[in-house]
Amino acid sequence: MRHFAMCGSLVGAGLLAACGGGAATPQIPVPDPDIEAEEAGARTTAVVARTGVRDIRWYVSRGRRAVDDLENVVVYRSADDVSGSADVVLYARCLGDRTEVEIDMGVELGDDVISDGDVRTKRVLVRFVPRDVRPVVFEVGSTGRSLVVDPPLAFLRDLVEADSVAVQTVSRRGTAVFAEFVVTALAYERLSVVSETCGWILDPIEAVRAETERQEALLEAERAEVLETYVGVPIRDGIERFGVEYDEIFLDLPAPVGRAYLGFGVSISAVEVAVAQGRGIVCVSGVWVGDEIVLRECFIEGQLGGEADSGAVGEDLGVDSVGR
């Protein structure tokens, strides 16, 4: 039987205790009206090829919130194998714009429940087969019988990549409660209903790629905003912390900028005089190069804009042209 095979495979993973109580609850397949639906991409096809079966235990419930007319979607299924409980049910929900994952363990949880004000948490063992088992801490639901999974998105992404998911915790009586959910093709298809409704990506690889692109775009926007603070305005703070590298002048600027290299227009002596007179340096344009800024067409404050004769100011400050 699958139940005993699973128990044997989890001995080394610390889940053997879960197999000590109760017999597996027999599951009666329920015909699914969408069983012949088109497979959701190459991932679903690959899972079908590996398992040779379709999961027909997933159910979908839909509705709308009266307050804002946003859609509510609940996808749920019972565990394939259970011990220590009559039934264990996994729920994945999109409630308006919030994703939740909850596992109803079917019995009152206790023994190792920790209360922190109104929040009760519990130690749980989770294994995404074939990965190793890992201990986690989940919040106990309001009924005292369920586990509220956090973070829910990561849990569902790990689930669709696994062969099966095993969960073990302890009931109020101190007995182990164990459940196994076999992952087949329909899991990805049904859970995609939740992810698409709530506007996030279920596929783990696509999720990483999208997050990388988002972070890169965010960094680019932040860098553009930082660069604007150094272009076309007098730079005064920190110009006394300047140096020379490969005959190029640089300013040691505050984070997130490391160094700002000055383009043509100023010399070392000009920067020294500007520092002594409390003047800043103005640069017309600039670009990011790695974690540093290269400022171009730089001049001493007051040299341009009609404040004084540019030639006189240049002579006074020792300006000469050092191109970059």
Protein backbone atom coordinates (compact mmCIF):
# COMPACT_ATOMS: atom_id res chain seq x y z
CA MET A 1 0.00 0.00 0.00
CA ARG A 2 1.14 3.59 -0.65
CA HIS A 3 0.75 4.46 3.05
CA PHE A 4 3.29 1.87 4.20
CA ALA A 5 5.65 2.68 1.32
CA MET A 6 5.62 6.33 2.28
CA CYS A 7 6.30 5.45 5.93
CA GLY A 8 9.35 3.46 4.92
CA SER A 9 10.73 6.25 2.76
CA LEU A 10 10.48 8.79 5.58
CA VAL A 11 12.25 6.83 8.32
CA GLY A 12 15.50 8.69 7.75
CA ALA A 13 13.67 11.98 7.51
CA GLY A 14 12.31 11.87 11.05
CA LEU A 15 8.68 11.19 10.10
CA LEU A 16 8.46 7.57 11.18
CA ALA A 17 6.49 8.55 14.29
CA ALA A 18 3.73 9.80 12.07
CA CYS A 19 3.07 6.30 10.77
CA GLY A 20 2.36 4.88 14.22
CA GLY A 21 -1.31 5.66 14.58
CA GLY A 22 -4.42 5.08 12.56
CA ALA A 23 -5.00 3.66 9.13
CA ALA A 24 -5.08 5.55 5.89
CA THR A 25 -8.50 6.88 4.99
CA PRO A 26 -9.63 5.34 1.70
CA GLN A 27 -10.16 7.90 -1.06
CA ILE A 28 -13.04 7.58 -3.53
CA PRO A 29 -12.25 9.25 -6.87
CA VAL A 30 -14.82 11.84 -7.91
CA PRO A 31 -15.25 12.43 -11.66
CA ASP A 32 -13.93 15.82 -12.68
CA PRO A 33 -15.77 17.62 -15.49
CA ASP A 34 -12.51 19.22 -16.62
CA ILE A 35 -10.50 15.99 -16.73
CA GLU A 36 -10.04 16.27 -20.47
CA ALA A 37 -8.94 19.93 -20.35
CA GLU A 38 -5.83 20.89 -22.27
CA GLU A 39 -2.62 20.47 -20.30
CA ALA A 40 -1.13 23.66 -18.87
CA GLY A 41 2.08 23.83 -20.88
CA ALA A 42 5.16 21.68 -20.95
CA ARG A 43 5.30 21.35 -17.15
CA THR A 44 1.93 19.65 -16.94
CA THR A 45 2.76 17.35 -19.85
CA ALA A 46 6.00 16.34 -18.15
CA VAL A 47 4.22 15.50 -14.89
CA VAL A 48 1.61 13.41 -16.67
CA ALA A 49 4.37 11.50 -18.47
CA ARG A 50 6.13 10.85 -15.17
CA THR A 51 3.13 9.73 -13.14
CA GLY A 52 0.88 8.33 -15.83
CA VAL A 53 -2.23 9.57 -13.97
CA ARG A 54 -4.31 12.68 -13.49
CA ASP A 55 -5.21 13.94 -10.02
CA ILE A 56 -9.00 14.05 -9.73
CA ARG A 57 -9.21 15.10 -6.09
CA TRP A 58 -8.86 18.87 -6.57
CA TYR A 59 -11.98 21.01 -6.28
CA VAL A 60 -12.58 24.68 -7.11
CA SER A 61 -15.09 27.03 -5.52
CA ARG A 62 -15.69 30.58 -6.83
CA GLY A 63 -17.53 33.62 -5.57
CA ARG A 64 -17.24 37.41 -5.22
CA ARG A 65 -16.76 39.72 -2.28
CA ALA A 66 -19.79 41.91 -1.75
CA VAL A 67 -17.71 44.85 -0.52
CA ASP A 68 -15.64 45.37 -3.69
CA ASP A 69 -16.81 42.68 -6.16
CA LEU A 70 -13.32 41.12 -6.27
CA GLU A 71 -13.27 37.40 -6.98
CA ASN A 72 -12.82 34.80 -4.26
CA VAL A 73 -11.37 31.44 -5.33
CA VAL A 74 -10.85 28.40 -3.11
CA VAL A 75 -9.01 25.32 -4.38
CA TYR A 76 -8.91 22.33 -2.05
CA ARG A 77 -8.33 18.60 -1.79
CA SER A 78 -8.06 15.82 0.79
CA ALA A 79 -4.79 14.07 1.55
CA ASP A 80 -3.96 10.77 -0.14
CA ASP A 81 -2.70 9.14 3.06
CA VAL A 82 -3.49 10.10 6.64
CA SER A 83 -2.70 8.82 10.12
CA GLY A 84 -3.86 10.21 13.45
CA SER A 85 -6.90 11.88 11.88
CA ALA A 86 -10.01 10.96 9.89
CA ASP A 87 -9.13 13.41 7.10
CA VAL A 88 -6.69 16.22 6.31
CA VAL A 89 -7.64 18.89 3.75
CA LEU A 90 -5.36 21.41 2.00
CA TYR A 91 -6.95 24.76 1.05
CA ALA A 92 -5.40 27.37 -1.27
CA ARG A 93 -7.37 30.60 -1.50
CA CYS A 94 -7.33 33.92 -3.31
CA LEU A 95 -9.59 36.17 -1.29
CA GLY A 96 -9.90 39.37 -3.29
CA ASP A 97 -6.20 40.20 -3.50
CA ARG A 98 -4.81 38.05 -0.68
CA THR A 99 -3.44 34.51 -1.02
CA GLU A 100 -3.85 32.05 1.83
CA VAL A 101 -2.87 28.41 2.35
CA GLU A 102 -4.39 26.47 5.21
CA ILE A 103 -4.20 22.79 6.14
CA ASP A 104 -7.11 21.44 8.19
CA MET A 105 -5.54 18.60 10.19
CA GLY A 106 -8.96 17.26 11.25
CA VAL A 107 -8.18 17.15 14.98
CA GLU A 108 -7.55 19.74 17.67
CA LEU A 109 -3.89 20.71 17.74
CA GLY A 110 -1.97 21.16 20.93
CA ASP A 111 0.91 19.85 22.99
CA ASP A 112 3.54 22.11 21.46
CA VAL A 113 1.31 25.11 20.65
CA ILE A 114 2.93 28.40 21.69
CA SER A 115 0.71 31.39 22.44
CA ASP A 116 1.91 34.94 21.80
CA GLY A 117 -1.00 37.21 22.59
CA ASP A 118 -3.78 36.37 20.15
CA VAL A 119 -1.42 34.41 17.87
CA ARG A 120 -0.85 30.68 18.43
CA THR A 121 1.96 28.96 16.57
CA LYS A 122 3.02 25.35 16.27
CA ARG A 123 6.07 23.36 15.19
CA VAL A 124 5.47 21.32 12.04
CA LEU A 125 7.58 18.95 9.94
CA VAL A 126 7.21 19.43 6.18
CA ARG A 127 8.81 17.48 3.36
CA PHE A 128 8.57 18.27 -0.35
CA VAL A 129 9.62 14.87 -1.71
CA PRO A 130 12.37 14.21 -2.83
CA ARG A 131 13.83 17.03 -0.73
CA ASP A 132 14.78 16.52 2.92
CA VAL A 133 12.35 17.13 5.75
CA ARG A 134 12.52 20.54 7.43
CA PRO A 135 10.96 21.90 10.62
CA VAL A 136 8.84 25.04 10.32
CA VAL A 137 6.55 27.07 12.57
CA PHE A 138 3.02 27.75 11.35
CA GLU A 139 0.21 29.72 12.94
CA VAL A 140 -2.69 27.71 14.32
CA GLY A 141 -6.05 28.64 12.78
CA SER A 142 -8.91 30.13 14.77
CA THR A 143 -10.62 26.74 15.15
CA GLY A 144 -7.51 25.21 16.74
CA ARG A 145 -7.54 22.41 14.14
CA SER A 146 -5.72 23.95 11.17
CA LEU A 147 -2.26 25.22 10.19
CA VAL A 148 -1.98 28.59 8.46
CA VAL A 149 0.98 28.30 6.07
CA ASP A 150 3.42 31.19 5.88
CA PRO A 151 4.72 32.19 3.38
CA PRO A 152 1.90 30.77 1.22
CA LEU A 153 3.37 31.58 -2.23
CA ALA A 154 6.65 29.81 -1.52
CA PHE A 155 4.76 26.77 -0.18
CA LEU A 156 2.65 26.44 -3.33
CA ARG A 157 5.66 26.91 -5.62
CA ASP A 158 7.53 24.17 -3.75
CA LEU A 159 4.42 21.98 -3.91
CA VAL A 160 4.06 22.04 -7.70
CA GLU A 161 7.76 21.10 -8.05
CA ALA A 162 7.51 18.12 -5.68
CA ASP A 163 6.50 14.50 -6.21
CA SER A 164 4.49 14.63 -2.99
CA VAL A 165 4.16 16.74 0.14
CA ALA A 166 4.28 15.21 3.63
CA VAL A 167 3.14 17.11 6.74
CA GLN A 168 3.41 15.98 10.35
CA THR A 169 2.42 17.67 13.60
CA VAL A 170 1.01 16.74 17.01
CA SER A 171 -2.60 16.69 18.20
CA ARG A 172 -3.83 17.92 21.55
CA ARG A 173 -3.70 14.35 22.82
CA GLY A 174 -0.02 14.21 21.96
CA THR A 175 -0.40 11.81 19.04
CA ALA A 176 1.30 12.39 15.71
CA VAL A 177 -0.89 13.54 12.84
CA PHE A 178 0.56 12.74 9.43
CA ALA A 179 -0.70 13.48 5.91
CA GLU A 180 0.69 12.99 2.40
CA PHE A 181 -0.50 14.80 -0.73
CA VAL A 182 0.65 13.23 -4.00
CA VAL A 183 1.35 15.91 -6.61
CA THR A 184 0.20 15.20 -10.15
CA ALA A 185 -0.69 17.18 -13.24
CA LEU A 186 -3.92 18.74 -12.07
CA ALA A 187 -2.23 20.34 -9.04
CA TYR A 188 -0.46 22.91 -11.22
CA GLU A 189 -3.58 23.53 -13.28
CA ARG A 190 -5.85 24.05 -10.27
CA LEU A 191 -3.40 26.13 -8.23
CA SER A 192 -2.85 28.34 -11.29
CA VAL A 193 -6.46 29.47 -10.81
CA VAL A 194 -5.43 30.88 -7.42
CA SER A 195 -2.21 32.50 -8.65
CA GLU A 196 -3.81 34.06 -11.72
CA THR A 197 -6.74 35.45 -9.72
CA CYS A 198 -4.41 37.04 -7.17
CA GLY A 199 -1.90 38.20 -9.80
CA TRP A 200 1.28 36.27 -8.97
CA ILE A 201 3.35 33.63 -10.79
CA LEU A 202 3.10 29.99 -9.69
CA ASP A 203 5.96 28.61 -11.80
CA PRO A 204 9.09 28.82 -9.59
CA ILE A 205 11.51 29.49 -12.47
CA GLU A 206 9.30 32.14 -14.03
CA ALA A 207 8.78 33.70 -10.60
CA VAL A 208 12.54 34.05 -10.08
CA ARG A 209 13.00 35.51 -13.56
CA ALA A 210 10.19 38.02 -13.07
CA GLU A 211 11.50 39.03 -9.65
CA THR A 212 15.01 39.50 -11.07
CA GLU A 213 13.66 41.75 -13.82
CA ARG A 214 11.62 43.69 -11.26
CA GLN A 215 14.64 44.22 -9.03
CA GLU A 216 16.76 45.32 -11.99
CA ALA A 217 14.12 47.83 -13.08
CA LEU A 218 13.83 49.10 -9.52
CA LEU A 219 17.61 49.49 -9.27
CA GLU A 220 17.71 51.33 -12.59
CA ALA A 221 15.01 53.75 -11.42
CA GLU A 222 16.76 54.31 -8.10
CA ARG A 223 20.08 54.95 -9.83
CA ALA A 224 18.49 57.44 -12.21
CA GLU A 225 17.01 59.25 -9.22
CA VAL A 226 20.37 59.33 -7.42
CA LEU A 227 22.19 60.54 -10.54
CA GLU A 228 19.80 63.46 -10.84
CA THR A 229 20.97 64.74 -7.45
CA TYR A 230 24.55 65.05 -8.79
CA VAL A 231 23.90 66.41 -12.30
CA GLY A 232 23.31 70.11 -12.93
CA VAL A 233 23.56 71.04 -9.25
CA PRO A 234 26.58 72.20 -7.19
CA ILE A 235 28.25 69.28 -5.39
CA ARG A 236 29.56 70.62 -2.10
CA ASP A 237 29.21 67.85 0.47
CA GLY A 238 32.21 65.57 0.48
CA ILE A 239 34.26 67.30 -2.22
CA GLU A 240 37.06 67.74 0.32
CA ARG A 241 37.37 63.94 0.23
CA PHE A 242 38.78 63.81 -3.28
CA GLY A 243 41.58 61.79 -4.76
CA VAL A 244 43.35 60.92 -7.97
CA GLU A 245 43.44 57.54 -9.69
CA TYR A 246 45.07 57.03 -13.09
CA ASP A 247 45.27 60.82 -13.46
CA GLU A 248 41.51 61.12 -12.95
CA ILE A 249 39.94 63.10 -10.14
CA PHE A 250 37.27 61.39 -8.05
CA LEU A 251 35.05 62.48 -5.19
CA ASP A 252 34.25 60.13 -2.32
CA LEU A 253 30.46 60.47 -2.17
CA PRO A 254 27.94 59.09 0.35
CA ALA A 255 26.12 55.81 -0.27
CA PRO A 256 24.68 54.47 -2.48
CA VAL A 257 27.42 56.06 -4.63
CA GLY A 258 30.99 54.94 -4.10
CA ARG A 259 33.03 57.33 -6.20
CA ALA A 260 32.19 60.05 -8.70
CA TYR A 261 34.86 60.60 -11.34
CA LEU A 262 35.00 64.13 -12.73
CA GLY A 263 35.06 64.70 -16.46
CA PHE A 264 36.97 67.39 -18.31
CA GLY A 265 36.85 70.95 -17.04
CA VAL A 266 38.60 70.93 -13.66
CA SER A 267 42.06 70.22 -12.33
CA ILE A 268 43.31 69.12 -8.93
CA SER A 269 44.32 72.67 -8.05
CA ALA A 270 40.87 73.92 -9.08
CA VAL A 271 39.17 71.46 -6.73
CA GLU A 272 41.52 72.50 -3.91
CA VAL A 273 40.69 76.18 -4.45
CA ALA A 274 36.94 75.39 -4.68
CA VAL A 275 37.13 73.55 -1.36
CA ALA A 276 39.01 76.46 0.22
CA GLN A 277 36.44 79.00 -1.01
CA GLY A 278 33.40 76.85 -0.17
CA ARG A 279 32.33 76.51 -3.80
CA GLY A 280 30.86 73.40 -5.34
CA ILE A 281 31.43 71.54 -8.59
CA VAL A 282 28.74 71.46 -11.29
CA CYS A 283 28.60 68.73 -13.93
CA VAL A 284 26.37 68.83 -16.99
CA SER A 285 25.77 65.08 -17.37
CA GLY A 286 26.72 61.73 -15.90
CA VAL A 287 26.38 57.95 -16.17
CA TRP A 288 26.62 54.93 -13.90
CA VAL A 289 29.57 52.59 -14.45
CA GLY A 290 29.22 49.65 -12.07
CA ASP A 291 28.72 51.09 -8.59
CA GLU A 292 30.40 54.38 -9.48
CA ILE A 293 29.36 57.55 -11.29
CA VAL A 294 31.25 59.25 -14.11
CA LEU A 295 30.34 62.94 -14.28
CA ARG A 296 31.02 64.78 -17.54
CA GLU A 297 31.65 68.40 -18.49
CA CYS A 298 32.35 69.53 -14.95
CA PHE A 299 32.99 73.14 -13.91
CA ILE A 300 33.56 75.11 -10.76
CA GLU A 301 30.41 76.67 -9.31
CA GLY A 302 30.08 80.23 -10.59
CA GLN A 303 32.14 79.65 -13.73
CA LEU A 304 28.99 79.36 -15.88
CA GLY A 305 25.61 81.10 -15.82
CA GLY A 306 26.76 84.70 -15.95
CA GLU A 307 27.70 85.01 -12.27
CA ALA A 308 31.15 86.24 -13.30
CA ASP A 309 33.35 86.38 -16.32
CA SER A 310 34.18 82.76 -17.05
CA GLY A 311 37.74 83.57 -18.02
CA ALA A 312 38.37 85.50 -14.82
CA VAL A 313 36.86 82.79 -12.67
CA GLY A 314 38.83 80.15 -14.48
CA GLU A 315 42.04 82.08 -13.96
CA ASP A 316 41.22 82.66 -10.29
CA LEU A 317 40.53 79.00 -9.60
CA GLY A 318 43.26 77.53 -11.72
CA VAL A 319 40.90 75.81 -14.11
CA ASP A 320 42.35 73.84 -16.95
CA SER A 321 40.94 71.14 -19.16
CA VAL A 322 41.68 67.52 -18.22
CA GLY A 323 39.59 65.33 -20.48
CA ARG A 324 38.16 61.95 -19.51
